[in-house]
PDB file of N, CA and C in Angstrom:
ATOM      1  N   MET A   1      -3.668  17.024 -15.416  1.00  0.00           N
ATOM      2  CA  MET A   1      -4.068  15.638 -15.242  1.00  0.00           C
ATOM      3  C   MET A   1      -3.207  14.919 -14.218  1.00  0.00           C
ATOM      4  N   LEU A   2      -1.889  14.959 -14.351  1.00  0.00           N
ATOM      5  CA  LEU A   2      -1.030  14.277 -13.378  1.00  0.00           C
ATOM      6  C   LEU A   2      -1.027  15.070 -12.085  1.00  0.00           C
ATOM      7  N   ALA A   3      -1.147  14.376 -10.961  1.00  0.00           N
ATOM      8  CA  ALA A   3      -1.270  15.075  -9.687  1.00  0.00           C
ATOM      9  C   ALA A   3      -0.084  14.844  -8.748  1.00  0.00           C
ATOM     10  N   ALA A   4       0.392  13.610  -8.633  1.00  0.00           N
ATOM     11  CA  ALA A   4       1.474  13.305  -7.697  1.00  0.00           C
ATOM     12  C   ALA A   4       1.993  11.903  -7.991  1.00  0.00           C
ATOM     13  N   LEU A   5       3.207  11.658  -7.577  1.00  0.00           N
ATOM     14  CA  LEU A   5       3.766  10.315  -7.668  1.00  0.00           C
ATOM     15  C   LEU A   5       3.269   9.529  -6.460  1.00  0.00           C
ATOM     16  N   ASP A   6       2.612   8.421  -6.700  1.00  0.00           N
ATOM     17  CA  ASP A   6       2.025   7.635  -5.611  1.00  0.00           C
ATOM     18  C   ASP A   6       3.065   6.779  -4.900  1.00  0.00           C
ATOM     19  N   HIS A   7       3.891   6.050  -5.651  1.00  0.00           N
ATOM     20  CA  HIS A   7       4.924   5.221  -5.042  1.00  0.00           C
ATOM     21  C   HIS A   7       5.971   4.861  -6.090  1.00  0.00           C
ATOM     22  N   VAL A   8       7.081   4.357  -5.607  1.00  0.00           N
ATOM     23  CA  VAL A   8       8.136   3.824  -6.460  1.00  0.00           C
ATOM     24  C   VAL A   8       8.208   2.333  -6.175  1.00  0.00           C
ATOM     25  N   GLN A   9       8.280   1.527  -7.229  1.00  0.00           N
ATOM     26  CA  GLN A   9       8.375   0.077  -7.075  1.00  0.00           C
ATOM     27  C   GLN A   9       9.819  -0.357  -7.304  1.00  0.00           C
ATOM     28  N   LEU A  10      10.388  -1.037  -6.321  1.00  0.00           N
ATOM     29  CA  LEU A  10      11.694  -1.662  -6.444  1.00  0.00           C
ATOM     30  C   LEU A  10      11.497  -3.165  -6.398  1.00  0.00           C
ATOM     31  N   ALA A  11      12.524  -3.909  -6.714  1.00  0.00           N
ATOM     32  CA  ALA A  11      12.436  -5.364  -6.690  1.00  0.00           C
ATOM     33  C   ALA A  11      13.475  -5.918  -5.728  1.00  0.00           C
ATOM     34  N   ALA A  12      13.277  -7.161  -5.345  1.00  0.00           N
ATOM     35  CA  ALA A  12      14.190  -7.835  -4.414  1.00  0.00           C
ATOM     36  C   ALA A  12      14.041  -9.339  -4.597  1.00  0.00           C
ATOM     37  N   PRO A  13      15.059 -10.097  -4.181  1.00  0.00           N
ATOM     38  CA  PRO A  13      14.933 -11.549  -4.281  1.00  0.00           C
ATOM     39  C   PRO A  13      14.014 -12.106  -3.194  1.00  0.00           C
ATOM     40  N   ALA A  14      13.448 -13.263  -3.464  1.00  0.00           N
ATOM     41  CA  ALA A  14      12.581 -13.935  -2.483  1.00  0.00           C
ATOM     42  C   ALA A  14      13.335 -14.143  -1.176  1.00  0.00           C
ATOM     43  N   GLY A  15      12.642 -13.964  -0.068  1.00  0.00           N
ATOM     44  CA  GLY A  15      13.222 -14.201   1.243  1.00  0.00           C
ATOM     45  C   GLY A  15      14.007 -13.036   1.823  1.00  0.00           C
ATOM     46  N   SER A  16      14.022 -11.897   1.151  1.00  0.00           N
ATOM     47  CA  SER A  16      14.827 -10.766   1.624  1.00  0.00           C
ATOM     48  C   SER A  16      14.024  -9.746   2.436  1.00  0.00           C
ATOM     49  N   GLU A  17      12.767 -10.033   2.707  1.00  0.00           N
ATOM     50  CA  GLU A  17      11.908  -9.056   3.378  1.00  0.00           C
ATOM     51  C   GLU A  17      12.463  -8.598   4.734  1.00  0.00           C
ATOM     52  N   ASP A  18      12.969  -9.510   5.549  1.00  0.00           N
ATOM     53  CA  ASP A  18      13.448  -9.109   6.883  1.00  0.00           C
ATOM     54  C   ASP A  18      14.641  -8.169   6.816  1.00  0.00           C
ATOM     55  N   VAL A  19      15.586  -8.434   5.937  1.00  0.00           N
ATOM     56  CA  VAL A  19      16.745  -7.550   5.813  1.00  0.00           C
ATOM     57  C   VAL A  19      16.323  -6.204   5.228  1.00  0.00           C
ATOM     58  N   LEU A  20      15.341  -6.204   4.348  1.00  0.00           N
ATOM     59  CA  LEU A  20      14.821  -4.945   3.809  1.00  0.00           C
ATOM     60  C   LEU A  20      14.111  -4.143   4.883  1.00  0.00           C
ATOM     61  N   ARG A  21      13.346  -4.804   5.722  1.00  0.00           N
ATOM     62  CA  ARG A  21      12.687  -4.103   6.839  1.00  0.00           C
ATOM     63  C   ARG A  21      13.728  -3.427   7.730  1.00  0.00           C
ATOM     64  N   GLY A  22      14.803  -4.138   8.010  1.00  0.00           N
ATOM     65  CA  GLY A  22      15.858  -3.545   8.825  1.00  0.00           C
ATOM     66  C   GLY A  22      16.391  -2.262   8.219  1.00  0.00           C
ATOM     67  N   PHE A  23      16.597  -2.261   6.920  1.00  0.00           N
ATOM     68  CA  PHE A  23      17.140  -1.077   6.248  1.00  0.00           C
ATOM     69  C   PHE A  23      16.120   0.051   6.172  1.00  0.00           C
ATOM     70  N   TYR A  24      14.950  -0.224   5.618  1.00  0.00           N
ATOM     71  CA  TYR A  24      13.980   0.844   5.382  1.00  0.00           C
ATOM     72  C   TYR A  24      13.362   1.372   6.683  1.00  0.00           C
ATOM     73  N   VAL A  25      13.130   0.510   7.654  1.00  0.00           N
ATOM     74  CA  VAL A  25      12.541   0.964   8.915  1.00  0.00           C
ATOM     75  C   VAL A  25      13.611   1.514   9.862  1.00  0.00           C
ATOM     76  N   THR A  26      14.707   0.795  10.016  1.00  0.00           N
ATOM     77  CA  THR A  26      15.728   1.214  10.976  1.00  0.00           C
ATOM     78  C   THR A  26      16.615   2.327  10.420  1.00  0.00           C
ATOM     79  N   ALA A  27      17.242   2.102   9.292  1.00  0.00           N
ATOM     80  CA  ALA A  27      18.199   3.083   8.760  1.00  0.00           C
ATOM     81  C   ALA A  27      17.498   4.309   8.182  1.00  0.00           C
ATOM     82  N   LEU A  28      16.424   4.114   7.424  1.00  0.00           N
ATOM     83  CA  LEU A  28      15.745   5.249   6.795  1.00  0.00           C
ATOM     84  C   LEU A  28      14.581   5.785   7.619  1.00  0.00           C
ATOM     85  N   GLN A  29      14.239   5.114   8.690  1.00  0.00           N
ATOM     86  CA  GLN A  29      13.155   5.531   9.592  1.00  0.00           C
ATOM     87  C   GLN A  29      11.812   5.663   8.867  1.00  0.00           C
ATOM     88  N   MET A  30      11.569   4.762   7.926  1.00  0.00           N
ATOM     89  CA  MET A  30      10.275   4.710   7.264  1.00  0.00           C
ATOM     90  C   MET A  30       9.360   3.797   8.084  1.00  0.00           C
ATOM     91  N   THR A  31       8.096   3.814   7.780  1.00  0.00           N
ATOM     92  CA  THR A  31       7.112   2.969   8.447  1.00  0.00           C
ATOM     93  C   THR A  31       6.677   1.883   7.474  1.00  0.00           C
ATOM     94  N   GLU A  32       6.613   0.645   7.948  1.00  0.00           N
ATOM     95  CA  GLU A  32       6.102  -0.409   7.065  1.00  0.00           C
ATOM     96  C   GLU A  32       4.592  -0.262   6.944  1.00  0.00           C
ATOM     97  N   VAL A  33       4.108  -0.359   5.730  1.00  0.00           N
ATOM     98  CA  VAL A  33       2.684  -0.268   5.430  1.00  0.00           C
ATOM     99  C   VAL A  33       2.203  -1.672   5.099  1.00  0.00           C
ATOM    100  N   PRO A  34       1.159  -2.157   5.763  1.00  0.00           N
ATOM    101  CA  PRO A  34       0.652  -3.497   5.429  1.00  0.00           C
ATOM    102  C   PRO A  34       0.196  -3.551   3.977  1.00  0.00           C
ATOM    103  N   LYS A  35       0.588  -4.604   3.285  1.00  0.00           N
ATOM    104  CA  LYS A  35       0.134  -4.793   1.917  1.00  0.00           C
ATOM    105  C   LYS A  35      -1.330  -5.234   1.936  1.00  0.00           C
ATOM    106  N   PRO A  36      -2.107  -4.833   0.949  1.00  0.00           N
ATOM    107  CA  PRO A  36      -3.493  -5.301   0.870  1.00  0.00           C
ATOM    108  C   PRO A  36      -3.545  -6.826   0.793  1.00  0.00           C
ATOM    109  N   ALA A  37      -4.593  -7.404   1.336  1.00  0.00           N
ATOM    110  CA  ALA A  37      -4.730  -8.862   1.407  1.00  0.00           C
ATOM    111  C   ALA A  37      -4.552  -9.521   0.037  1.00  0.00           C
ATOM    112  N   GLY A  38      -5.038  -8.900  -1.003  1.00  0.00           N
ATOM    113  CA  GLY A  38      -4.936  -9.484  -2.338  1.00  0.00           C
ATOM    114  C   GLY A  38      -3.524  -9.491  -2.905  1.00  0.00           C
ATOM    115  N   LEU A  39      -2.597  -8.754  -2.270  1.00  0.00           N
ATOM    116  CA  LEU A  39      -1.221  -8.696  -2.746  1.00  0.00           C
ATOM    117  C   LEU A  39      -0.217  -9.306  -1.768  1.00  0.00           C
ATOM    118  N   ALA A  40      -0.615  -9.479  -0.533  1.00  0.00           N
ATOM    119  CA  ALA A  40       0.311  -9.934   0.512  1.00  0.00           C
ATOM    120  C   ALA A  40       0.925 -11.298   0.201  1.00  0.00           C
ATOM    121  N   HIS A  41       0.177 -12.168  -0.453  1.00  0.00           N
ATOM    122  CA  HIS A  41       0.680 -13.519  -0.742  1.00  0.00           C
ATOM    123  C   HIS A  41       1.858 -13.516  -1.726  1.00  0.00           C
ATOM    124  N   LYS A  42       2.090 -12.402  -2.408  1.00  0.00           N
ATOM    125  CA  LYS A  42       3.177 -12.317  -3.381  1.00  0.00           C
ATOM    126  C   LYS A  42       4.521 -11.993  -2.733  1.00  0.00           C
ATOM    127  N   GLY A  43       4.522 -11.713  -1.418  1.00  0.00           N
ATOM    128  CA  GLY A  43       5.754 -11.351  -0.732  1.00  0.00           C
ATOM    129  C   GLY A  43       6.093  -9.889  -0.953  1.00  0.00           C
ATOM    130  N   GLY A  44       7.275  -9.521  -0.496  1.00  0.00           N
ATOM    131  CA  GLY A  44       7.688  -8.134  -0.594  1.00  0.00           C
ATOM    132  C   GLY A  44       7.165  -7.324   0.573  1.00  0.00           C
ATOM    133  N   CYS A  45       7.445  -6.048   0.569  1.00  0.00           N
ATOM    134  CA  CYS A  45       6.996  -5.165   1.639  1.00  0.00           C
ATOM    135  C   CYS A  45       6.906  -3.732   1.132  1.00  0.00           C
ATOM    136  N   TRP A  46       6.061  -2.961   1.796  1.00  0.00           N
ATOM    137  CA  TRP A  46       5.836  -1.562   1.435  1.00  0.00           C
ATOM    138  C   TRP A  46       6.257  -0.682   2.599  1.00  0.00           C
ATOM    139  N   PHE A  47       6.800   0.493   2.272  1.00  0.00           N
ATOM    140  CA  PHE A  47       7.266   1.433   3.291  1.00  0.00           C
ATOM    141  C   PHE A  47       6.782   2.832   2.939  1.00  0.00           C
ATOM    142  N   ALA A  48       6.554   3.648   3.977  1.00  0.00           N
ATOM    143  CA  ALA A  48       6.067   5.013   3.761  1.00  0.00           C
ATOM    144  C   ALA A  48       6.814   5.990   4.664  1.00  0.00           C
ATOM    145  N   ALA A  49       6.857   7.234   4.208  1.00  0.00           N
ATOM    146  CA  ALA A  49       7.407   8.341   4.993  1.00  0.00           C
ATOM    147  C   ALA A  49       6.552   9.569   4.707  1.00  0.00           C
ATOM    148  N   ASP A  50       6.808  10.623   5.459  1.00  0.00           N
ATOM    149  CA  ASP A  50       6.110  11.896   5.264  1.00  0.00           C
ATOM    150  C   ASP A  50       4.598  11.701   5.312  1.00  0.00           C
ATOM    151  N   GLY A  51       4.141  11.009   6.360  1.00  0.00           N
ATOM    152  CA  GLY A  51       2.711  10.810   6.535  1.00  0.00           C
ATOM    153  C   GLY A  51       2.058   9.982   5.447  1.00  0.00           C
ATOM    154  N   GLY A  52       2.842   9.136   4.784  1.00  0.00           N
ATOM    155  CA  GLY A  52       2.312   8.281   3.731  1.00  0.00           C
ATOM    156  C   GLY A  52       2.381   8.898   2.345  1.00  0.00           C
ATOM    157  N   ARG A  53       2.833  10.156   2.246  1.00  0.00           N
ATOM    158  CA  ARG A  53       2.891  10.819   0.934  1.00  0.00           C
ATOM    159  C   ARG A  53       4.018  10.296   0.058  1.00  0.00           C
ATOM    160  N   MET A  54       5.037   9.686   0.674  1.00  0.00           N
ATOM    161  CA  MET A  54       6.122   9.093  -0.094  1.00  0.00           C
ATOM    162  C   MET A  54       6.170   7.606   0.239  1.00  0.00           C
ATOM    163  N   GLN A  55       6.061   6.755  -0.765  1.00  0.00           N
ATOM    164  CA  GLN A  55       6.081   5.311  -0.521  1.00  0.00           C
ATOM    165  C   GLN A  55       7.073   4.614  -1.439  1.00  0.00           C
ATOM    166  N   ILE A  56       7.716   3.607  -0.882  1.00  0.00           N
ATOM    167  CA  ILE A  56       8.571   2.708  -1.646  1.00  0.00           C
ATOM    168  C   ILE A  56       7.999   1.309  -1.463  1.00  0.00           C
ATOM    169  N   HIS A  57       7.630   0.684  -2.556  1.00  0.00           N
ATOM    170  CA  HIS A  57       7.124  -0.684  -2.532  1.00  0.00           C
ATOM    171  C   HIS A  57       8.231  -1.587  -3.059  1.00  0.00           C
ATOM    172  N   VAL A  58       8.500  -2.651  -2.353  1.00  0.00           N
ATOM    173  CA  VAL A  58       9.518  -3.606  -2.789  1.00  0.00           C
ATOM    174  C   VAL A  58       8.814  -4.931  -3.071  1.00  0.00           C
ATOM    175  N   GLY A  59       8.845  -5.341  -4.319  1.00  0.00           N
ATOM    176  CA  GLY A  59       8.204  -6.579  -4.736  1.00  0.00           C
ATOM    177  C   GLY A  59       9.235  -7.663  -5.009  1.00  0.00           C
ATOM    178  N   ILE A  60       8.791  -8.880  -4.939  1.00  0.00           N
ATOM    179  CA  ILE A  60       9.681 -10.026  -5.172  1.00  0.00           C
ATOM    180  C   ILE A  60       9.795 -10.299  -6.663  1.00  0.00           C
ATOM    181  N   GLU A  61      11.031 -10.455  -7.106  1.00  0.00           N
ATOM    182  CA  GLU A  61      11.324 -10.770  -8.502  1.00  0.00           C
ATOM    183  C   GLU A  61      12.207 -12.019  -8.499  1.00  0.00           C
ATOM    184  N   HIS A  62      11.743 -13.081  -9.109  1.00  0.00           N
ATOM    185  CA  HIS A  62      12.434 -14.364  -8.988  1.00  0.00           C
ATOM    186  C   HIS A  62      13.802 -14.392  -9.646  1.00  0.00           C
ATOM    187  N   ASP A  63      14.011 -13.683 -10.717  1.00  0.00           N
ATOM    188  CA  ASP A  63      15.340 -13.597 -11.346  1.00  0.00           C
ATOM    189  C   ASP A  63      15.959 -12.240 -11.047  1.00  0.00           C
ATOM    190  N   PHE A  64      15.865 -11.803  -9.805  1.00  0.00           N
ATOM    191  CA  PHE A  64      16.273 -10.455  -9.424  1.00  0.00           C
ATOM    192  C   PHE A  64      17.743 -10.175  -9.716  1.00  0.00           C
ATOM    193  N   ARG A  65      17.979  -9.038 -10.316  1.00  0.00           N
ATOM    194  CA  ARG A  65      19.314  -8.454 -10.478  1.00  0.00           C
ATOM    195  C   ARG A  65      19.160  -6.974 -10.186  1.00  0.00           C
ATOM    196  N   PRO A  66      19.919  -6.435  -9.248  1.00  0.00           N
ATOM    197  CA  PRO A  66      19.740  -5.015  -8.939  1.00  0.00           C
ATOM    198  C   PRO A  66      20.094  -4.145 -10.146  1.00  0.00           C
ATOM    199  N   PRO A  67      19.314  -3.098 -10.389  1.00  0.00           N
ATOM    200  CA  PRO A  67      19.622  -2.219 -11.507  1.00  0.00           C
ATOM    201  C   PRO A  67      20.896  -1.429 -11.236  1.00  0.00           C
ATOM    202  N   ARG A  68      21.670  -1.187 -12.262  1.00  0.00           N
ATOM    203  CA  ARG A  68      22.920  -0.455 -12.090  1.00  0.00           C
ATOM    204  C   ARG A  68      22.705   1.049 -12.176  1.00  0.00           C
ATOM    205  N   LYS A  69      21.712   1.492 -12.907  1.00  0.00           N
ATOM    206  CA  LYS A  69      21.503   2.925 -13.119  1.00  0.00           C
ATOM    207  C   LYS A  69      20.162   3.413 -12.562  1.00  0.00           C
ATOM    208  N   ALA A  70      19.083   2.705 -12.821  1.00  0.00           N
ATOM    209  CA  ALA A  70      17.752   3.151 -12.413  1.00  0.00           C
ATOM    210  C   ALA A  70      17.664   3.251 -10.892  1.00  0.00           C
ATOM    211  N   HIS A  71      16.978   4.296 -10.414  1.00  0.00           N
ATOM    212  CA  HIS A  71      16.864   4.501  -8.968  1.00  0.00           C
ATOM    213  C   HIS A  71      15.826   5.571  -8.666  1.00  0.00           C
ATOM    214  N   PRO A  72      15.227   5.513  -7.483  1.00  0.00           N
ATOM    215  CA  PRO A  72      14.419   6.649  -7.034  1.00  0.00           C
ATOM    216  C   PRO A  72      15.350   7.697  -6.424  1.00  0.00           C
ATOM    217  N   ALA A  73      14.949   8.946  -6.510  1.00  0.00           N
ATOM    218  CA  ALA A  73      15.677  10.040  -5.866  1.00  0.00           C
ATOM    219  C   ALA A  73      14.740  10.666  -4.847  1.00  0.00           C
ATOM    220  N   VAL A  74      15.199  10.756  -3.613  1.00  0.00           N
ATOM    221  CA  VAL A  74      14.372  11.239  -2.516  1.00  0.00           C
ATOM    222  C   VAL A  74      14.960  12.543  -1.995  1.00  0.00           C
ATOM    223  N   ARG A  75      14.160  13.595  -1.981  1.00  0.00           N
ATOM    224  CA  ARG A  75      14.585  14.878  -1.433  1.00  0.00           C
ATOM    225  C   ARG A  75      14.478  14.816   0.087  1.00  0.00           C
ATOM    226  N   VAL A  76      15.513  15.294   0.767  1.00  0.00           N
ATOM    227  CA  VAL A  76      15.557  15.247   2.229  1.00  0.00           C
ATOM    228  C   VAL A  76      15.842  16.637   2.798  1.00  0.00           C
ATOM    229  N   THR A  77      15.640  16.791   4.101  1.00  0.00           N
ATOM    230  CA  THR A  77      15.865  18.075   4.762  1.00  0.00           C
ATOM    231  C   THR A  77      17.182  18.130   5.524  1.00  0.00           C
ATOM    232  N   ASP A  78      17.797  16.994   5.832  1.00  0.00           N
ATOM    233  CA  ASP A  78      19.080  16.986   6.545  1.00  0.00           C
ATOM    234  C   ASP A  78      19.950  15.870   5.959  1.00  0.00           C
ATOM    235  N   LEU A  79      20.586  16.178   4.852  1.00  0.00           N
ATOM    236  CA  LEU A  79      21.353  15.188   4.099  1.00  0.00           C
ATOM    237  C   LEU A  79      22.519  14.629   4.908  1.00  0.00           C
ATOM    238  N   ASP A  80      23.217  15.484   5.638  1.00  0.00           N
ATOM    239  CA  ASP A  80      24.366  15.017   6.419  1.00  0.00           C
ATOM    240  C   ASP A  80      23.941  14.042   7.514  1.00  0.00           C
ATOM    241  N   ARG A  81      22.844  14.343   8.168  1.00  0.00           N
ATOM    242  CA  ARG A  81      22.346  13.443   9.224  1.00  0.00           C
ATOM    243  C   ARG A  81      21.962  12.083   8.647  1.00  0.00           C
ATOM    244  N   LEU A  82      21.315  12.092   7.486  1.00  0.00           N
ATOM    245  CA  LEU A  82      20.945  10.831   6.850  1.00  0.00           C
ATOM    246  C   LEU A  82      22.185  10.050   6.442  1.00  0.00           C
ATOM    247  N   ALA A  83      23.184  10.733   5.872  1.00  0.00           N
ATOM    248  CA  ALA A  83      24.424  10.058   5.479  1.00  0.00           C
ATOM    249  C   ALA A  83      25.076   9.391   6.686  1.00  0.00           C
ATOM    250  N   THR A  84      25.095  10.085   7.809  1.00  0.00           N
ATOM    251  CA  THR A  84      25.677   9.524   9.033  1.00  0.00           C
ATOM    252  C   THR A  84      24.897   8.293   9.484  1.00  0.00           C
ATOM    253  N   ARG A  85      23.559   8.382   9.477  1.00  0.00           N
ATOM    254  CA  ARG A  85      22.721   7.229   9.868  1.00  0.00           C
ATOM    255  C   ARG A  85      23.010   6.017   8.984  1.00  0.00           C
ATOM    256  N   LEU A  86      23.090   6.237   7.675  1.00  0.00           N
ATOM    257  CA  LEU A  86      23.326   5.131   6.756  1.00  0.00           C
ATOM    258  C   LEU A  86      24.711   4.528   6.956  1.00  0.00           C
ATOM    259  N   GLU A  87      25.712   5.363   7.154  1.00  0.00           N
ATOM    260  CA  GLU A  87      27.065   4.851   7.405  1.00  0.00           C
ATOM    261  C   GLU A  87      27.099   4.049   8.701  1.00  0.00           C
ATOM    262  N   GLN A  88      26.412   4.521   9.734  1.00  0.00           N
ATOM    263  CA  GLN A  88      26.356   3.776  10.995  1.00  0.00           C
ATOM    264  C   GLN A  88      25.651   2.438  10.810  1.00  0.00           C
ATOM    265  N   TYR A  89      24.703   2.390   9.902  1.00  0.00           N
ATOM    266  CA  TYR A  89      23.986   1.151   9.603  1.00  0.00           C
ATOM    267  C   TYR A  89      24.848   0.205   8.769  1.00  0.00           C
ATOM    268  N   GLY A  90      25.899   0.737   8.137  1.00  0.00           N
ATOM    269  CA  GLY A  90      26.778  -0.075   7.296  1.00  0.00           C
ATOM    270  C   GLY A  90      26.495   0.040   5.811  1.00  0.00           C
ATOM    271  N   ALA A  91      25.634   0.975   5.433  1.00  0.00           N
ATOM    272  CA  ALA A  91      25.318   1.181   4.019  1.00  0.00           C
ATOM    273  C   ALA A  91      26.357   2.108   3.393  1.00  0.00           C
ATOM    274  N   PRO A  92      26.683   1.896   2.127  1.00  0.00           N
ATOM    275  CA  PRO A  92      27.643   2.782   1.467  1.00  0.00           C
ATOM    276  C   PRO A  92      27.033   4.159   1.228  1.00  0.00           C
ATOM    277  N   VAL A  93      27.842   5.190   1.335  1.00  0.00           N
ATOM    278  CA  VAL A  93      27.424   6.554   1.003  1.00  0.00           C
ATOM    279  C   VAL A  93      28.429   7.086  -0.008  1.00  0.00           C
ATOM    280  N   MET A  94      27.966   7.289  -1.236  1.00  0.00           N
ATOM    281  CA  MET A  94      28.833   7.742  -2.325  1.00  0.00           C
ATOM    282  C   MET A  94      28.375   9.135  -2.762  1.00  0.00           C
ATOM    283  N   TRP A  95      29.112  10.151  -2.324  1.00  0.00           N
ATOM    284  CA  TRP A  95      28.770  11.532  -2.626  1.00  0.00           C
ATOM    285  C   TRP A  95      28.961  11.817  -4.104  1.00  0.00           C
ATOM    286  N   ASN A  96      28.134  12.714  -4.637  1.00  0.00           N
ATOM    287  CA  ASN A  96      28.197  13.077  -6.046  1.00  0.00           C
ATOM    288  C   ASN A  96      27.991  14.584  -6.148  1.00  0.00           C
ATOM    289  N   VAL A  97      28.909  15.264  -6.806  1.00  0.00           N
ATOM    290  CA  VAL A  97      28.846  16.727  -6.908  1.00  0.00           C
ATOM    291  C   VAL A  97      28.477  17.208  -8.311  1.00  0.00           C
ATOM    292  N   SER A  98      27.962  16.352  -9.148  1.00  0.00           N
ATOM    293  CA  SER A  98      27.714  16.719 -10.542  1.00  0.00           C
ATOM    294  C   SER A  98      26.399  17.472 -10.774  1.00  0.00           C
ATOM    295  N   LEU A  99      25.601  17.670  -9.743  1.00  0.00           N
ATOM    296  CA  LEU A  99      24.353  18.421  -9.869  1.00  0.00           C
ATOM    297  C   LEU A  99      24.527  19.731  -9.100  1.00  0.00           C
ATOM    298  N   PRO A 100      24.835  20.839  -9.787  1.00  0.00           N
ATOM    299  CA  PRO A 100      25.260  22.068  -9.111  1.00  0.00           C
ATOM    300  C   PRO A 100      24.252  22.661  -8.125  1.00  0.00           C
ATOM    301  N   SER A 101      22.979  22.434  -8.306  1.00  0.00           N
ATOM    302  CA  SER A 101      21.985  23.061  -7.441  1.00  0.00           C
ATOM    303  C   SER A 101      21.622  22.228  -6.208  1.00  0.00           C
ATOM    304  N   HIS A 102      22.258  21.069  -6.040  1.00  0.00           N
ATOM    305  CA  HIS A 102      21.928  20.169  -4.935  1.00  0.00           C
ATOM    306  C   HIS A 102      23.190  19.527  -4.360  1.00  0.00           C
ATOM    307  N   ARG A 103      23.095  19.128  -3.104  1.00  0.00           N
ATOM    308  CA  ARG A 103      24.054  18.181  -2.528  1.00  0.00           C
ATOM    309  C   ARG A 103      23.352  16.840  -2.603  1.00  0.00           C
ATOM    310  N   ARG A 104      24.120  15.793  -2.909  1.00  0.00           N
ATOM    311  CA  ARG A 104      23.466  14.488  -3.035  1.00  0.00           C
ATOM    312  C   ARG A 104      24.461  13.358  -2.859  1.00  0.00           C
ATOM    313  N   PHE A 105      23.897  12.178  -2.567  1.00  0.00           N
ATOM    314  CA  PHE A 105      24.684  10.956  -2.537  1.00  0.00           C
ATOM    315  C   PHE A 105      23.814   9.792  -2.967  1.00  0.00           C
ATOM    316  N   HIS A 106      24.486   8.706  -3.334  1.00  0.00           N
ATOM    317  CA  HIS A 106      23.811   7.452  -3.657  1.00  0.00           C
ATOM    318  C   HIS A 106      24.189   6.427  -2.598  1.00  0.00           C
ATOM    319  N   THR A 107      23.285   5.495  -2.394  1.00  0.00           N
ATOM    320  CA  THR A 107      23.543   4.360  -1.513  1.00  0.00           C
ATOM    321  C   THR A 107      22.866   3.154  -2.131  1.00  0.00           C
ATOM    322  N   GLN A 108      22.956   2.032  -1.439  1.00  0.00           N
ATOM    323  CA  GLN A 108      22.277   0.815  -1.880  1.00  0.00           C
ATOM    324  C   GLN A 108      21.557   0.201  -0.696  1.00  0.00           C
ATOM    325  N   ASP A 109      20.378  -0.355  -0.972  1.00  0.00           N
ATOM    326  CA  ASP A 109      19.717  -1.118   0.086  1.00  0.00           C
ATOM    327  C   ASP A 109      20.418  -2.478   0.178  1.00  0.00           C
ATOM    328  N   PRO A 110      20.044  -3.318   1.132  1.00  0.00           N
ATOM    329  CA  PRO A 110      20.775  -4.582   1.339  1.00  0.00           C
ATOM    330  C   PRO A 110      20.768  -5.554   0.161  1.00  0.00           C
ATOM    331  N   VAL A 111      19.856  -5.381  -0.795  1.00  0.00           N
ATOM    332  CA  VAL A 111      19.846  -6.285  -1.951  1.00  0.00           C
ATOM    333  C   VAL A 111      20.429  -5.630  -3.198  1.00  0.00           C
ATOM    334  N   GLY A 112      20.944  -4.412  -3.061  1.00  0.00           N
ATOM    335  CA  GLY A 112      21.632  -3.756  -4.161  1.00  0.00           C
ATOM    336  C   GLY A 112      20.840  -2.722  -4.939  1.00  0.00           C
ATOM    337  N   ASN A 113      19.607  -2.423  -4.525  1.00  0.00           N
ATOM    338  CA  ASN A 113      18.858  -1.364  -5.196  1.00  0.00           C
ATOM    339  C   ASN A 113      19.542  -0.029  -4.936  1.00  0.00           C
ATOM    340  N   ARG A 114      19.763   0.726  -6.000  1.00  0.00           N
ATOM    341  CA  ARG A 114      20.405   2.034  -5.895  1.00  0.00           C
ATOM    342  C   ARG A 114      19.372   3.069  -5.459  1.00  0.00           C
ATOM    343  N   LEU A 115      19.754   3.923  -4.508  1.00  0.00           N
ATOM    344  CA  LEU A 115      18.886   4.990  -4.014  1.00  0.00           C
ATOM    345  C   LEU A 115      19.674   6.293  -4.014  1.00  0.00           C
ATOM    346  N   GLU A 116      19.036   7.367  -4.404  1.00  0.00           N
ATOM    347  CA  GLU A 116      19.661   8.693  -4.364  1.00  0.00           C
ATOM    348  C   GLU A 116      18.931   9.550  -3.333  1.00  0.00           C
ATOM    349  N   PHE A 117      19.691  10.314  -2.568  1.00  0.00           N
ATOM    350  CA  PHE A 117      19.136  11.261  -1.620  1.00  0.00           C
ATOM    351  C   PHE A 117      19.759  12.613  -1.929  1.00  0.00           C
ATOM    352  N   LEU A 118      18.923  13.645  -1.988  1.00  0.00           N
ATOM    353  CA  LEU A 118      19.441  14.952  -2.347  1.00  0.00           C
ATOM    354  C   LEU A 118      18.750  16.057  -1.565  1.00  0.00           C
ATOM    355  N   GLN A 119      19.487  17.172  -1.439  1.00  0.00           N
ATOM    356  CA  GLN A 119      18.984  18.339  -0.731  1.00  0.00           C
ATOM    357  C   GLN A 119      19.360  19.565  -1.555  1.00  0.00           C
ATOM    358  N   PRO A 120      18.361  20.418  -1.866  1.00  0.00           N
ATOM    359  CA  PRO A 120      18.677  21.617  -2.641  1.00  0.00           C
ATOM    360  C   PRO A 120      19.630  22.524  -1.854  1.00  0.00           C
ATOM    361  N   LEU A 121      20.512  23.177  -2.589  1.00  0.00           N
ATOM    362  CA  LEU A 121      21.398  24.161  -1.956  1.00  0.00           C
ATOM    363  C   LEU A 121      20.610  25.432  -1.678  1.00  0.00           C
ATOM    364  N   PRO A 122      20.956  26.144  -0.605  1.00  0.00           N
ATOM    365  CA  PRO A 122      20.217  27.392  -0.301  1.00  0.00           C
ATOM    366  C   PRO A 122      20.456  28.465  -1.368  1.00  0.00           C
TER     367      PRO A 122
END
């Protein structure tokens, strides 16, 4: 029955769309996806990678507080290159070695959403 994960929804405070675009489009090299007309008035922004197969939707939450633990985990093909890009952008890169079959790190987007990036070990 279950076929694929369509998107991950994150939250952000009102007015943060431009700084989020800078992070997701510039640092992560994702593409902004136009929100459908019926949802665009709510603010926020949507981003896609891998030909649209992976999407992160960021919606506006009026009492926004970034989650401390919850996060999406994104599998990548060149973890070191991504870590370098994020550090050059000014995002924190916190390496974690507690998952023996993968290399991984956590970072935060500009509003504090936690993101994990990981690459399986050969």
